[in-house]
Amino acid sequence: MGLIFGGSTDVLSSQRTSRIIGPLLRWLNPNVSDETIRAVQAVVRKGSHITEYSVLALLLWRARRKPMKNDPRPWSWREAAWAIFLAGAYAATDEFHQLFVPSRGASVWDVFLDTFGAAVGLLGLWKFGRWRKRW
């Protein structure tokens, strides 16, 4: 959560990350259009939302579940929902925090995207567990 909070400051604002992604794309392909650069930046930024909240939900789930080797307990959707809810609640507080950062903007859609990322992370864990049981 501390890493997410730090990333919600000016440090990872779109103005700063565009200074990295744009030049990198121009180095890889000097003829890349500005429109393409903006599209790649949007995909990277929104993909980061999904990734970071997937990891957060997995960590919250693990903290609640306290899994052990060869855990005999079945999967609990209640525990997964708890982790998704907490990740979504944290996403809402993070967007509220961004209201007070001049170079950032708060977005309800980002809260939905973050909560979706949390759900994706836990669905991935569930699928991995089912796959692993078959072997």
N, C-alpha and C. Protein backbone atom coordinates (compact mmCIF):
# COMPACT_ATOMS: atom_id res chain seq x y z
N MET A 1 0.83 -1.19 0.00
CA MET A 1 0.00 0.00 0.00
C MET A 1 0.88 1.26 0.00
N GLY A 2 2.01 1.16 0.67
CA GLY A 2 2.94 2.28 0.67
C GLY A 2 3.49 2.57 -0.72
N LEU A 3 3.77 1.52 -1.48
CA LEU A 3 4.25 1.71 -2.85
C LEU A 3 3.17 2.35 -3.73
N ILE A 4 1.94 1.92 -3.55
CA ILE A 4 0.84 2.51 -4.32
C ILE A 4 0.67 3.97 -3.93
N PHE A 5 0.72 4.27 -2.64
CA PHE A 5 0.59 5.65 -2.18
C PHE A 5 1.70 6.51 -2.77
N GLY A 6 2.93 6.00 -2.73
CA GLY A 6 4.06 6.75 -3.30
C GLY A 6 3.90 6.97 -4.79
N GLY A 7 3.37 5.97 -5.49
CA GLY A 7 3.15 6.11 -6.92
C GLY A 7 2.04 7.08 -7.26
N SER A 8 1.19 7.37 -6.30
CA SER A 8 0.07 8.29 -6.51
C SER A 8 0.46 9.75 -6.30
N THR A 9 1.71 9.98 -6.04
CA THR A 9 2.19 11.34 -5.91
C THR A 9 2.65 11.83 -7.28
N ASP A 10 3.33 12.94 -7.31
CA ASP A 10 3.84 13.50 -8.56
C ASP A 10 4.90 12.58 -9.18
N VAL A 11 5.50 11.70 -8.39
CA VAL A 11 6.60 10.84 -8.86
C VAL A 11 6.21 10.03 -10.10
N LEU A 12 5.02 9.47 -10.12
CA LEU A 12 4.58 8.66 -11.27
C LEU A 12 3.42 9.30 -12.01
N SER A 13 3.37 10.61 -12.01
CA SER A 13 2.32 11.30 -12.76
C SER A 13 2.55 11.08 -14.26
N SER A 14 1.52 11.32 -15.05
CA SER A 14 1.64 11.09 -16.50
C SER A 14 2.71 11.99 -17.12
N GLN A 15 2.91 13.18 -16.56
CA GLN A 15 3.94 14.06 -17.09
C GLN A 15 5.33 13.45 -16.91
N ARG A 16 5.54 12.80 -15.79
CA ARG A 16 6.86 12.20 -15.54
C ARG A 16 7.05 10.90 -16.31
N THR A 17 6.05 10.05 -16.34
CA THR A 17 6.21 8.78 -17.04
C THR A 17 6.28 8.99 -18.55
N SER A 18 5.67 10.06 -19.05
CA SER A 18 5.75 10.32 -20.50
C SER A 18 7.17 10.68 -20.91
N ARG A 19 7.97 11.16 -19.97
CA ARG A 19 9.37 11.48 -20.27
C ARG A 19 10.24 10.22 -20.40
N ILE A 20 9.68 9.09 -20.00
CA ILE A 20 10.41 7.83 -20.12
C ILE A 20 9.89 7.03 -21.31
N ILE A 21 8.58 6.86 -21.37
CA ILE A 21 7.98 6.00 -22.40
C ILE A 21 8.15 6.60 -23.79
N GLY A 22 7.88 7.88 -23.95
CA GLY A 22 8.00 8.53 -25.26
C GLY A 22 9.40 8.41 -25.85
N PRO A 23 10.44 8.85 -25.13
CA PRO A 23 11.80 8.72 -25.68
C PRO A 23 12.21 7.27 -25.95
N LEU A 24 11.76 6.35 -25.09
CA LEU A 24 12.09 4.94 -25.32
C LEU A 24 11.46 4.45 -26.62
N LEU A 25 10.20 4.79 -26.85
CA LEU A 25 9.54 4.39 -28.09
C LEU A 25 10.19 5.04 -29.30
N ARG A 26 10.58 6.31 -29.17
CA ARG A 26 11.25 7.00 -30.29
C ARG A 26 12.64 6.40 -30.55
N TRP A 27 13.29 5.91 -29.52
CA TRP A 27 14.59 5.26 -29.69
C TRP A 27 14.40 3.93 -30.43
N LEU A 28 13.35 3.19 -30.06
CA LEU A 28 13.07 1.91 -30.71
C LEU A 28 12.59 2.09 -32.16
N ASN A 29 11.78 3.12 -32.37
CA ASN A 29 11.23 3.39 -33.70
C ASN A 29 11.13 4.91 -33.88
N PRO A 30 12.10 5.53 -34.53
CA PRO A 30 12.09 6.99 -34.68
C PRO A 30 10.86 7.54 -35.41
N ASN A 31 10.17 6.72 -36.17
CA ASN A 31 9.01 7.19 -36.94
C ASN A 31 7.68 7.00 -36.21
N VAL A 32 7.72 6.63 -34.94
CA VAL A 32 6.49 6.39 -34.20
C VAL A 32 5.71 7.70 -34.06
N SER A 33 4.39 7.60 -34.22
CA SER A 33 3.56 8.81 -34.15
C SER A 33 3.27 9.19 -32.70
N ASP A 34 2.91 10.45 -32.51
CA ASP A 34 2.54 10.93 -31.17
C ASP A 34 1.29 10.20 -30.68
N GLU A 35 0.39 9.90 -31.59
CA GLU A 35 -0.83 9.18 -31.22
C GLU A 35 -0.50 7.78 -30.68
N THR A 36 0.44 7.12 -31.33
CA THR A 36 0.86 5.80 -30.87
C THR A 36 1.51 5.88 -29.51
N ILE A 37 2.32 6.88 -29.31
CA ILE A 37 2.99 7.06 -28.00
C ILE A 37 1.95 7.26 -26.91
N ARG A 38 0.95 8.11 -27.17
CA ARG A 38 -0.11 8.33 -26.18
C ARG A 38 -0.87 7.05 -25.89
N ALA A 39 -1.14 6.25 -26.93
CA ALA A 39 -1.86 4.98 -26.74
C ALA A 39 -1.03 4.01 -25.91
N VAL A 40 0.25 3.91 -26.18
CA VAL A 40 1.12 3.01 -25.41
C VAL A 40 1.20 3.48 -23.96
N GLN A 41 1.33 4.78 -23.75
CA GLN A 41 1.37 5.31 -22.39
C GLN A 41 0.09 4.96 -21.64
N ALA A 42 -1.05 5.08 -22.29
CA ALA A 42 -2.33 4.76 -21.64
C ALA A 42 -2.39 3.28 -21.28
N VAL A 43 -1.95 2.41 -22.18
CA VAL A 43 -1.97 0.98 -21.91
C VAL A 43 -1.03 0.64 -20.76
N VAL A 44 0.15 1.23 -20.75
CA VAL A 44 1.11 0.97 -19.67
C VAL A 44 0.56 1.47 -18.33
N ARG A 45 0.02 2.67 -18.33
CA ARG A 45 -0.49 3.24 -17.08
C ARG A 45 -1.69 2.44 -16.54
N LYS A 46 -2.64 2.09 -17.40
CA LYS A 46 -3.81 1.35 -16.94
C LYS A 46 -3.45 -0.10 -16.62
N GLY A 47 -2.52 -0.67 -17.38
CA GLY A 47 -2.02 -2.01 -17.06
C GLY A 47 -1.34 -2.05 -15.71
N SER A 48 -0.69 -0.96 -15.36
CA SER A 48 -0.05 -0.87 -14.04
C SER A 48 -1.09 -0.89 -12.93
N HIS A 49 -2.22 -0.23 -13.16
CA HIS A 49 -3.31 -0.26 -12.18
C HIS A 49 -3.74 -1.71 -11.93
N ILE A 50 -3.98 -2.44 -13.00
CA ILE A 50 -4.44 -3.82 -12.87
C ILE A 50 -3.39 -4.67 -12.15
N THR A 51 -2.15 -4.51 -12.53
CA THR A 51 -1.07 -5.30 -11.93
C THR A 51 -0.91 -5.01 -10.45
N GLU A 52 -0.82 -3.74 -10.09
CA GLU A 52 -0.55 -3.41 -8.69
C GLU A 52 -1.71 -3.82 -7.77
N TYR A 53 -2.94 -3.70 -8.25
CA TYR A 53 -4.07 -4.10 -7.41
C TYR A 53 -4.29 -5.61 -7.42
N SER A 54 -3.83 -6.29 -8.46
CA SER A 54 -3.82 -7.76 -8.41
C SER A 54 -2.88 -8.24 -7.31
N VAL A 55 -1.70 -7.66 -7.27
CA VAL A 55 -0.72 -8.03 -6.25
C VAL A 55 -1.26 -7.67 -4.86
N LEU A 56 -1.84 -6.48 -4.72
CA LEU A 56 -2.39 -6.08 -3.43
C LEU A 56 -3.45 -7.07 -2.95
N ALA A 57 -4.37 -7.46 -3.82
CA ALA A 57 -5.43 -8.40 -3.44
C ALA A 57 -4.84 -9.75 -3.05
N LEU A 58 -3.83 -10.21 -3.78
CA LEU A 58 -3.18 -11.48 -3.42
C LEU A 58 -2.53 -11.39 -2.04
N LEU A 59 -1.90 -10.28 -1.76
CA LEU A 59 -1.26 -10.12 -0.44
C LEU A 59 -2.31 -10.02 0.68
N LEU A 60 -3.41 -9.31 0.40
CA LEU A 60 -4.48 -9.22 1.40
C LEU A 60 -5.11 -10.59 1.64
N TRP A 61 -5.34 -11.34 0.55
CA TRP A 61 -5.90 -12.68 0.67
C TRP A 61 -4.97 -13.57 1.50
N ARG A 62 -3.69 -13.49 1.22
CA ARG A 62 -2.71 -14.32 1.93
C ARG A 62 -2.65 -13.94 3.41
N ALA A 63 -2.72 -12.66 3.70
CA ALA A 63 -2.70 -12.22 5.10
C ALA A 63 -3.91 -12.74 5.86
N ARG A 64 -5.05 -12.76 5.20
CA ARG A 64 -6.28 -13.23 5.85
C ARG A 64 -6.30 -14.76 5.96
N ARG A 65 -5.92 -15.40 4.90
CA ARG A 65 -6.01 -16.87 4.82
C ARG A 65 -4.89 -17.56 5.59
N LYS A 66 -3.72 -16.99 5.59
CA LYS A 66 -2.53 -17.60 6.21
C LYS A 66 -2.35 -19.04 5.71
N PRO A 67 -2.15 -19.18 4.39
CA PRO A 67 -2.05 -20.54 3.84
C PRO A 67 -0.79 -21.26 4.33
N MET A 68 -0.88 -22.58 4.34
CA MET A 68 0.26 -23.40 4.74
C MET A 68 0.46 -24.48 3.67
N LYS A 69 1.59 -25.12 3.73
CA LYS A 69 1.89 -26.16 2.75
C LYS A 69 0.85 -27.29 2.86
N ASN A 70 0.36 -27.73 1.70
CA ASN A 70 -0.67 -28.77 1.63
C ASN A 70 -1.90 -28.41 2.46
N ASP A 71 -2.31 -27.17 2.36
CA ASP A 71 -3.46 -26.66 3.11
C ASP A 71 -4.72 -27.47 2.78
N PRO A 72 -5.35 -28.10 3.78
CA PRO A 72 -6.52 -28.92 3.50
C PRO A 72 -7.81 -28.11 3.33
N ARG A 73 -7.79 -26.83 3.69
CA ARG A 73 -9.01 -26.02 3.61
C ARG A 73 -9.38 -25.76 2.15
N PRO A 74 -10.65 -25.81 1.82
CA PRO A 74 -11.07 -25.52 0.44
C PRO A 74 -11.00 -24.02 0.17
N TRP A 75 -11.04 -23.70 -1.12
CA TRP A 75 -11.06 -22.29 -1.54
C TRP A 75 -12.28 -21.62 -0.93
N SER A 76 -12.12 -20.40 -0.47
CA SER A 76 -13.22 -19.65 0.12
C SER A 76 -13.46 -18.38 -0.69
N TRP A 77 -14.62 -18.33 -1.34
CA TRP A 77 -14.96 -17.12 -2.09
C TRP A 77 -15.21 -15.95 -1.14
N ARG A 78 -15.58 -16.26 0.08
CA ARG A 78 -15.78 -15.21 1.09
C ARG A 78 -14.46 -14.49 1.37
N GLU A 79 -13.39 -15.26 1.52
CA GLU A 79 -12.07 -14.65 1.76
C GLU A 79 -11.60 -13.89 0.54
N ALA A 80 -11.88 -14.40 -0.65
CA ALA A 80 -11.50 -13.70 -1.87
C ALA A 80 -12.28 -12.38 -1.98
N ALA A 81 -13.58 -12.43 -1.69
CA ALA A 81 -14.40 -11.21 -1.75
C ALA A 81 -13.91 -10.18 -0.74
N TRP A 82 -13.49 -10.65 0.43
CA TRP A 82 -12.96 -9.75 1.45
C TRP A 82 -11.72 -9.02 0.92
N ALA A 83 -10.82 -9.74 0.28
CA ALA A 83 -9.60 -9.13 -0.26
C ALA A 83 -9.93 -8.16 -1.39
N ILE A 84 -10.87 -8.53 -2.24
CA ILE A 84 -11.26 -7.64 -3.34
C ILE A 84 -11.91 -6.37 -2.79
N PHE A 85 -12.77 -6.53 -1.79
CA PHE A 85 -13.41 -5.36 -1.18
C PHE A 85 -12.37 -4.42 -0.56
N LEU A 86 -11.43 -4.98 0.19
CA LEU A 86 -10.40 -4.13 0.81
C LEU A 86 -9.54 -3.44 -0.24
N ALA A 87 -9.17 -4.16 -1.28
CA ALA A 87 -8.38 -3.54 -2.35
C ALA A 87 -9.17 -2.42 -3.02
N GLY A 88 -10.46 -2.64 -3.25
CA GLY A 88 -11.31 -1.61 -3.84
C GLY A 88 -11.47 -0.40 -2.93
N ALA A 89 -11.60 -0.66 -1.63
CA ALA A 89 -11.70 0.45 -0.67
C ALA A 89 -10.40 1.25 -0.65
N TYR A 90 -9.27 0.54 -0.72
CA TYR A 90 -8.00 1.26 -0.74
C TYR A 90 -7.87 2.07 -2.04
N ALA A 91 -8.36 1.51 -3.15
CA ALA A 91 -8.33 2.22 -4.42
C ALA A 91 -9.11 3.54 -4.31
N ALA A 92 -10.26 3.50 -3.62
CA ALA A 92 -11.06 4.71 -3.45
C ALA A 92 -10.30 5.74 -2.62
N THR A 93 -9.63 5.30 -1.56
CA THR A 93 -8.86 6.26 -0.75
C THR A 93 -7.67 6.80 -1.52
N ASP A 94 -7.10 5.97 -2.39
CA ASP A 94 -5.97 6.41 -3.20
C ASP A 94 -6.40 7.48 -4.20
N GLU A 95 -7.54 7.28 -4.81
CA GLU A 95 -8.05 8.30 -5.73
C GLU A 95 -8.41 9.59 -4.98
N PHE A 96 -8.94 9.46 -3.78
CA PHE A 96 -9.21 10.65 -2.95
C PHE A 96 -7.91 11.39 -2.68
N HIS A 97 -6.86 10.65 -2.36
CA HIS A 97 -5.54 11.26 -2.13
C HIS A 97 -5.08 12.04 -3.37
N GLN A 98 -5.36 11.50 -4.55
CA GLN A 98 -4.91 12.16 -5.78
C GLN A 98 -5.64 13.48 -6.05
N LEU A 99 -6.78 13.69 -5.38
CA LEU A 99 -7.46 14.98 -5.50
C LEU A 99 -6.58 16.12 -5.01
N PHE A 100 -5.67 15.82 -4.10
CA PHE A 100 -4.85 16.84 -3.46
C PHE A 100 -3.45 16.94 -4.06
N VAL A 101 -3.18 16.19 -5.11
CA VAL A 101 -1.89 16.23 -5.80
C VAL A 101 -2.09 17.00 -7.09
N PRO A 102 -1.46 18.17 -7.23
CA PRO A 102 -1.71 19.03 -8.39
C PRO A 102 -1.50 18.36 -9.75
N SER A 103 -0.52 17.49 -9.87
CA SER A 103 -0.23 16.88 -11.16
C SER A 103 -1.04 15.61 -11.42
N ARG A 104 -1.94 15.26 -10.50
CA ARG A 104 -2.74 14.04 -10.64
C ARG A 104 -4.21 14.40 -10.68
N GLY A 105 -5.00 13.45 -11.08
CA GLY A 105 -6.45 13.64 -11.09
C GLY A 105 -7.12 12.39 -10.55
N ALA A 106 -8.20 12.57 -9.84
CA ALA A 106 -8.94 11.44 -9.29
C ALA A 106 -9.95 10.95 -10.33
N SER A 107 -10.18 9.64 -10.35
CA SER A 107 -11.10 9.08 -11.32
C SER A 107 -11.85 7.90 -10.72
N VAL A 108 -13.16 7.95 -10.80
CA VAL A 108 -13.98 6.82 -10.34
C VAL A 108 -13.68 5.60 -11.21
N TRP A 109 -13.41 5.83 -12.49
CA TRP A 109 -13.10 4.71 -13.39
C TRP A 109 -11.84 3.98 -12.95
N ASP A 110 -10.87 4.73 -12.41
CA ASP A 110 -9.66 4.07 -11.91
C ASP A 110 -9.97 3.18 -10.71
N VAL A 111 -10.92 3.58 -9.88
CA VAL A 111 -11.33 2.73 -8.75
C VAL A 111 -11.92 1.43 -9.29
N PHE A 112 -12.77 1.53 -10.32
CA PHE A 112 -13.33 0.33 -10.93
C PHE A 112 -12.24 -0.52 -11.56
N LEU A 113 -11.30 0.11 -12.24
CA LEU A 113 -10.19 -0.62 -12.87
C LEU A 113 -9.34 -1.32 -11.81
N ASP A 114 -9.06 -0.63 -10.72
CA ASP A 114 -8.26 -1.21 -9.63
C ASP A 114 -8.98 -2.40 -9.00
N THR A 115 -10.28 -2.26 -8.77
CA THR A 115 -11.06 -3.35 -8.19
C THR A 115 -11.13 -4.52 -9.16
N PHE A 116 -11.25 -4.23 -10.44
CA PHE A 116 -11.19 -5.27 -11.46
C PHE A 116 -9.84 -5.99 -11.41
N GLY A 117 -8.75 -5.23 -11.26
CA GLY A 117 -7.43 -5.83 -11.15
C GLY A 117 -7.32 -6.75 -9.95
N ALA A 118 -7.92 -6.35 -8.83
CA ALA A 118 -7.92 -7.20 -7.63
C ALA A 118 -8.66 -8.50 -7.91
N ALA A 119 -9.80 -8.41 -8.59
CA ALA A 119 -10.57 -9.61 -8.92
C ALA A 119 -9.79 -10.50 -9.89
N VAL A 120 -9.12 -9.91 -10.85
CA VAL A 120 -8.32 -10.68 -11.81
C VAL A 120 -7.21 -11.44 -11.08
N GLY A 121 -6.56 -10.78 -10.13
CA GLY A 121 -5.49 -11.44 -9.38
C GLY A 121 -5.99 -12.65 -8.61
N LEU A 122 -7.14 -12.52 -7.96
CA LEU A 122 -7.66 -13.64 -7.17
C LEU A 122 -8.27 -14.73 -8.05
N LEU A 123 -8.87 -14.35 -9.17
CA LEU A 123 -9.34 -15.37 -10.11
C LEU A 123 -8.15 -16.15 -10.68
N GLY A 124 -7.06 -15.45 -10.94
CA GLY A 124 -5.86 -16.13 -11.39
C GLY A 124 -5.31 -17.09 -10.36
N LEU A 125 -5.35 -16.69 -9.10
CA LEU A 125 -4.91 -17.58 -8.02
C LEU A 125 -5.80 -18.80 -7.92
N TRP A 126 -7.11 -18.60 -8.03
CA TRP A 126 -8.06 -19.70 -7.97
C TRP A 126 -7.82 -20.69 -9.11
N LYS A 127 -7.62 -20.14 -10.35
CA LYS A 127 -7.36 -21.00 -11.50
C LYS A 127 -6.04 -21.76 -11.33
N PHE A 128 -5.03 -21.07 -10.81
CA PHE A 128 -3.75 -21.72 -10.58
C PHE A 128 -3.90 -22.86 -9.58
N GLY A 129 -4.66 -22.64 -8.54
CA GLY A 129 -4.89 -23.68 -7.53
C GLY A 129 -5.60 -24.88 -8.12
N ARG A 130 -6.58 -24.64 -8.96
CA ARG A 130 -7.30 -25.75 -9.61
C ARG A 130 -6.38 -26.51 -10.55
N TRP A 131 -5.55 -25.78 -11.29
CA TRP A 131 -4.60 -26.41 -12.21
C TRP A 131 -3.59 -27.26 -11.43
N ARG A 132 -3.12 -26.71 -10.34
CA ARG A 132 -2.10 -27.38 -9.54
C ARG A 132 -2.63 -28.67 -8.90
N LYS A 133 -3.90 -28.67 -8.51
CA LYS A 133 -4.49 -29.87 -7.90
C LYS A 133 -4.55 -31.03 -8.89
N ARG A 134 -4.66 -30.71 -10.18
CA ARG A 134 -4.71 -31.77 -11.19
C ARG A 134 -3.38 -32.47 -11.33
N TRP A 135 -2.30 -31.83 -10.97
CA TRP A 135 -0.97 -32.43 -11.11
C TRP A 135 -0.55 -32.95 -9.80
